[in-house]
Amino acid sequence: MRIVIQRVKKASVEVDGKIAASISHGLLLLVGIAKDDSVETAVNMARKIADLRIFEDGDGKMNLNIRQAGGCILSVSQFTVMADTHKGNRPGFDGGASPSYANEFWEVFNNWFAAESITIKKGIFGAKMLVELVNDGPVTFILDSHREK
């Protein structure tokens, strides 16, 4: 599992000319799922994101997590973050999960946040989406479950 995390002032996802989801202050997550990811991977990554202290406190230091900052999450399934670009000029996607597994897995990941009372909104799985955001900072991190082990 590989996730691009962007701290945002606002973010939205548009599908077919209509806003499918939007948030104000919080995190935009671009979520890629590998074929060897497990439910344990989803829970561990969600917990890590919830606990990351990447929001500023009163002194301007990154010291608050999403709960403490009162932020929301916009989760977007994006298989391209799983691309292998080591060889040649065409990205390879062999390490990515099949669409049916990825969708099921992505829902498990998203449901963890909801169960923890963290407001989460979602893009539409498999749809062509226009993602708009105002990056706050800019602050961007990449979590990779294969590197976290």
C-alpha atoms as a PDB file:
ATOM      1  CA  MET A   1       0.000   0.000   0.000  1.00  0.00           C
ATOM      2  CA  ARG A   2       1.317   3.395  -0.945  1.00  0.00           C
ATOM      3  CA  ILE A   3      -0.384   6.634   0.070  1.00  0.00           C
ATOM      4  CA  VAL A   4       0.390  10.215  -0.877  1.00  0.00           C
ATOM      5  CA  ILE A   5      -0.764  12.433   1.992  1.00  0.00           C
ATOM      6  CA  GLN A   6      -1.327  16.131   1.399  1.00  0.00           C
ATOM      7  CA  ARG A   7      -2.323  18.543   4.138  1.00  0.00           C
ATOM      8  CA  VAL A   8      -4.938  20.788   2.563  1.00  0.00           C
ATOM      9  CA  LYS A   9      -6.938  23.929   3.223  1.00  0.00           C
ATOM     10  CA  LYS A  10      -9.591  22.416   0.932  1.00  0.00           C
ATOM     11  CA  ALA A  11      -9.937  19.615  -1.593  1.00  0.00           C
ATOM     12  CA  SER A  12     -12.614  18.231  -3.861  1.00  0.00           C
ATOM     13  CA  VAL A  13     -13.266  15.477  -6.376  1.00  0.00           C
ATOM     14  CA  GLU A  14     -15.377  16.055  -9.468  1.00  0.00           C
ATOM     15  CA  VAL A  15     -16.873  13.259 -11.574  1.00  0.00           C
ATOM     16  CA  ASP A  16     -18.886  13.903 -14.736  1.00  0.00           C
ATOM     17  CA  GLY A  17     -19.052  17.632 -14.030  1.00  0.00           C
ATOM     18  CA  LYS A  18     -20.425  17.190 -10.487  1.00  0.00           C
ATOM     19  CA  ILE A  19     -18.656  17.472  -7.143  1.00  0.00           C
ATOM     20  CA  ALA A  20     -18.613  13.944  -5.715  1.00  0.00           C
ATOM     21  CA  ALA A  21     -16.936  14.912  -2.430  1.00  0.00           C
ATOM     22  CA  SER A  22     -15.224  17.879  -0.815  1.00  0.00           C
ATOM     23  CA  ILE A  23     -13.563  18.834   2.448  1.00  0.00           C
ATOM     24  CA  SER A  24     -12.143  21.927   4.018  1.00  0.00           C
ATOM     25  CA  HIS A  25      -9.188  21.717   6.422  1.00  0.00           C
ATOM     26  CA  GLY A  26      -7.683  18.221   6.521  1.00  0.00           C
ATOM     27  CA  LEU A  27      -5.895  15.584   4.475  1.00  0.00           C
ATOM     28  CA  LEU A  28      -6.180  14.490   0.864  1.00  0.00           C
ATOM     29  CA  LEU A  29      -5.123  10.845   0.550  1.00  0.00           C
ATOM     30  CA  LEU A  30      -4.171   9.350  -2.832  1.00  0.00           C
ATOM     31  CA  VAL A  31      -4.375   5.636  -2.055  1.00  0.00           C
ATOM     32  CA  GLY A  32      -2.667   2.881  -4.032  1.00  0.00           C
ATOM     33  CA  ILE A  33      -3.242  -0.754  -3.126  1.00  0.00           C
ATOM     34  CA  ALA A  34      -0.809  -3.587  -3.809  1.00  0.00           C
ATOM     35  CA  LYS A  35      -1.857  -7.138  -4.599  1.00  0.00           C
ATOM     36  CA  ASP A  36      -0.148  -8.412  -1.430  1.00  0.00           C
ATOM     37  CA  ASP A  37      -1.827  -5.953   0.965  1.00  0.00           C
ATOM     38  CA  SER A  38      -3.880  -7.364   3.824  1.00  0.00           C
ATOM     39  CA  VAL A  39      -6.561  -6.038   6.158  1.00  0.00           C
ATOM     40  CA  GLU A  40      -3.786  -5.677   8.740  1.00  0.00           C
ATOM     41  CA  THR A  41      -1.941  -3.422   6.263  1.00  0.00           C
ATOM     42  CA  ALA A  42      -5.035  -1.233   5.842  1.00  0.00           C
ATOM     43  CA  VAL A  43      -5.553  -0.863   9.586  1.00  0.00           C
ATOM     44  CA  ASN A  44      -1.883  -0.142  10.274  1.00  0.00           C
ATOM     45  CA  MET A  45      -1.694   2.495   7.553  1.00  0.00           C
ATOM     46  CA  ALA A  46      -4.947   4.142   8.647  1.00  0.00           C
ATOM     47  CA  ARG A  47      -3.767   4.216  12.267  1.00  0.00           C
ATOM     48  CA  LYS A  48      -0.436   5.733  11.188  1.00  0.00           C
ATOM     49  CA  ILE A  49      -2.198   8.461   9.214  1.00  0.00           C
ATOM     50  CA  ALA A  50      -4.576   9.240  12.091  1.00  0.00           C
ATOM     51  CA  ASP A  51      -1.649   9.559  14.504  1.00  0.00           C
ATOM     52  CA  LEU A  52       0.712  11.572  12.258  1.00  0.00           C
ATOM     53  CA  ARG A  53       1.449  14.901  13.888  1.00  0.00           C
ATOM     54  CA  ILE A  54       1.476  17.048  10.757  1.00  0.00           C
ATOM     55  CA  PHE A  55      -0.814  19.932  11.723  1.00  0.00           C
ATOM     56  CA  GLU A  56       0.522  23.070  13.363  1.00  0.00           C
ATOM     57  CA  ASP A  57      -0.021  23.843  17.028  1.00  0.00           C
ATOM     58  CA  GLY A  58      -0.269  27.341  18.506  1.00  0.00           C
ATOM     59  CA  ASP A  59       3.510  27.752  18.172  1.00  0.00           C
ATOM     60  CA  GLY A  60       3.499  26.898  14.472  1.00  0.00           C
ATOM     61  CA  LYS A  61       5.127  23.482  14.992  1.00  0.00           C
ATOM     62  CA  MET A  62       3.813  20.296  13.403  1.00  0.00           C
ATOM     63  CA  ASN A  63       2.578  18.785  16.635  1.00  0.00           C
ATOM     64  CA  LEU A  64      -1.106  17.902  16.129  1.00  0.00           C
ATOM     65  CA  ASN A  65      -2.746  14.889  14.514  1.00  0.00           C
ATOM     66  CA  ILE A  66      -5.920  15.067  12.441  1.00  0.00           C
ATOM     67  CA  ARG A  67      -8.195  14.536  15.445  1.00  0.00           C
ATOM     68  CA  GLN A  68      -6.509  17.268  17.479  1.00  0.00           C
ATOM     69  CA  ALA A  69      -6.627  19.635  14.496  1.00  0.00           C
ATOM     70  CA  GLY A  70     -10.321  18.917  13.840  1.00  0.00           C
ATOM     71  CA  GLY A  71      -9.609  17.982  10.227  1.00  0.00           C
ATOM     72  CA  CYS A  72     -11.384  15.799   7.678  1.00  0.00           C
ATOM     73  CA  ILE A  73     -10.068  13.266   5.172  1.00  0.00           C
ATOM     74  CA  LEU A  74     -10.748  13.014   1.449  1.00  0.00           C
ATOM     75  CA  SER A  75      -9.700   9.550   0.255  1.00  0.00           C
ATOM     76  CA  VAL A  76      -9.112   8.951  -3.456  1.00  0.00           C
ATOM     77  CA  SER A  77      -8.275   5.512  -4.802  1.00  0.00           C
ATOM     78  CA  GLN A  78      -5.431   5.981  -7.285  1.00  0.00           C
ATOM     79  CA  PHE A  79      -3.749   2.914  -8.749  1.00  0.00           C
ATOM     80  CA  THR A  80      -1.070   5.012 -10.461  1.00  0.00           C
ATOM     81  CA  VAL A  81       0.745   5.607  -7.166  1.00  0.00           C
ATOM     82  CA  MET A  82       1.611   1.884  -7.299  1.00  0.00           C
ATOM     83  CA  ALA A  83       3.458   2.325 -10.610  1.00  0.00           C
ATOM     84  CA  ASP A  84       6.881   0.781 -11.071  1.00  0.00           C
ATOM     85  CA  THR A  85       9.024   3.277 -12.983  1.00  0.00           C
ATOM     86  CA  HIS A  86      12.406   1.600 -12.551  1.00  0.00           C
ATOM     87  CA  LYS A  87      12.690   0.209 -16.091  1.00  0.00           C
ATOM     88  CA  GLY A  88      11.999   1.985 -19.351  1.00  0.00           C
ATOM     89  CA  ASN A  89       9.655   4.898 -19.908  1.00  0.00           C
ATOM     90  CA  ARG A  90       6.293   3.183 -19.555  1.00  0.00           C
ATOM     91  CA  PRO A  91       5.147   2.684 -15.942  1.00  0.00           C
ATOM     92  CA  GLY A  92       4.315  -0.892 -14.955  1.00  0.00           C
ATOM     93  CA  PHE A  93       1.355  -1.766 -12.768  1.00  0.00           C
ATOM     94  CA  ASP A  94       1.923  -5.467 -12.075  1.00  0.00           C
ATOM     95  CA  GLY A  95       2.256  -4.850  -8.324  1.00  0.00           C
ATOM     96  CA  GLY A  96      -1.165  -3.227  -8.056  1.00  0.00           C
ATOM     97  CA  ALA A  97      -4.200  -5.079  -6.775  1.00  0.00           C
ATOM     98  CA  SER A  98      -7.005  -6.171  -9.095  1.00  0.00           C
ATOM     99  CA  PRO A  99      -9.862  -3.635  -9.253  1.00  0.00           C
ATOM    100  CA  SER A 100     -12.299  -5.820  -7.283  1.00  0.00           C
ATOM    101  CA  TYR A 101      -9.778  -6.499  -4.496  1.00  0.00           C
ATOM    102  CA  ALA A 102      -8.590  -2.880  -4.463  1.00  0.00           C
ATOM    103  CA  ASN A 103     -12.142  -1.547  -4.114  1.00  0.00           C
ATOM    104  CA  GLU A 104     -12.937  -3.900  -1.234  1.00  0.00           C
ATOM    105  CA  PHE A 105      -9.624  -3.114   0.451  1.00  0.00           C
ATOM    106  CA  TRP A 106     -10.052   0.651  -0.021  1.00  0.00           C
ATOM    107  CA  GLU A 107     -13.456   0.444   1.691  1.00  0.00           C
ATOM    108  CA  VAL A 108     -11.900  -1.378   4.685  1.00  0.00           C
ATOM    109  CA  PHE A 109      -9.275   1.374   4.889  1.00  0.00           C
ATOM    110  CA  ASN A 110     -11.884   4.163   4.698  1.00  0.00           C
ATOM    111  CA  ASN A 111     -14.229   2.473   7.176  1.00  0.00           C
ATOM    112  CA  TRP A 112     -11.461   2.408   9.795  1.00  0.00           C
ATOM    113  CA  PHE A 113     -11.459   6.225   9.892  1.00  0.00           C
ATOM    114  CA  ALA A 114     -15.249   6.367  10.147  1.00  0.00           C
ATOM    115  CA  ALA A 115     -15.168   3.852  13.019  1.00  0.00           C
ATOM    116  CA  GLU A 116     -12.664   6.123  14.773  1.00  0.00           C
ATOM    117  CA  SER A 117     -15.035   9.112  14.366  1.00  0.00           C
ATOM    118  CA  ILE A 118     -12.757  10.845  11.859  1.00  0.00           C
ATOM    119  CA  THR A 119     -14.828  12.490   9.131  1.00  0.00           C
ATOM    120  CA  ILE A 120     -13.991  10.856   5.821  1.00  0.00           C
ATOM    121  CA  LYS A 121     -15.252  11.602   2.341  1.00  0.00           C
ATOM    122  CA  LYS A 122     -14.391   9.553  -0.741  1.00  0.00           C
ATOM    123  CA  GLY A 123     -13.853   9.857  -4.432  1.00  0.00           C
ATOM    124  CA  ILE A 124     -15.589   7.324  -6.679  1.00  0.00           C
ATOM    125  CA  PHE A 125     -13.646   4.119  -7.171  1.00  0.00           C
ATOM    126  CA  GLY A 126     -12.600   3.535 -10.778  1.00  0.00           C
ATOM    127  CA  ALA A 127     -14.055   6.802 -12.059  1.00  0.00           C
ATOM    128  CA  LYS A 128     -12.165   9.413 -14.019  1.00  0.00           C
ATOM    129  CA  MET A 129     -11.895  12.185 -11.460  1.00  0.00           C
ATOM    130  CA  LEU A 130     -10.766  15.771 -11.403  1.00  0.00           C
ATOM    131  CA  VAL A 131      -9.080  16.386  -8.062  1.00  0.00           C
ATOM    132  CA  GLU A 132      -8.663  19.952  -6.895  1.00  0.00           C
ATOM    133  CA  LEU A 133      -6.782  20.999  -3.785  1.00  0.00           C
ATOM    134  CA  VAL A 134      -5.142  23.857  -1.987  1.00  0.00           C
ATOM    135  CA  ASN A 135      -2.058  22.344  -0.372  1.00  0.00           C
ATOM    136  CA  ASP A 136      -1.393  23.797   3.082  1.00  0.00           C
ATOM    137  CA  GLY A 137       2.307  24.429   3.584  1.00  0.00           C
ATOM    138  CA  PRO A 138       2.876  22.745   1.183  1.00  0.00           C
ATOM    139  CA  VAL A 139       2.974  19.619   3.316  1.00  0.00           C
ATOM    140  CA  THR A 140       3.159  16.295   1.476  1.00  0.00           C
ATOM    141  CA  PHE A 141       4.241  12.855   2.720  1.00  0.00           C
ATOM    142  CA  ILE A 142       4.387   9.405   1.167  1.00  0.00           C
ATOM    143  CA  LEU A 143       3.675   6.302   3.231  1.00  0.00           C
ATOM    144  CA  ASP A 144       4.660   2.940   1.781  1.00  0.00           C
ATOM    145  CA  SER A 145       3.705  -0.191   3.700  1.00  0.00           C
ATOM    146  CA  HIS A 146       6.610  -2.062   2.130  1.00  0.00           C
ATOM    147  CA  ARG A 147       9.052   0.455   3.583  1.00  0.00           C
ATOM    148  CA  GLU A 148       7.280   0.614   6.955  1.00  0.00           C
ATOM    149  CA  LYS A 149       8.036  -3.061   7.670  1.00  0.00           C
END
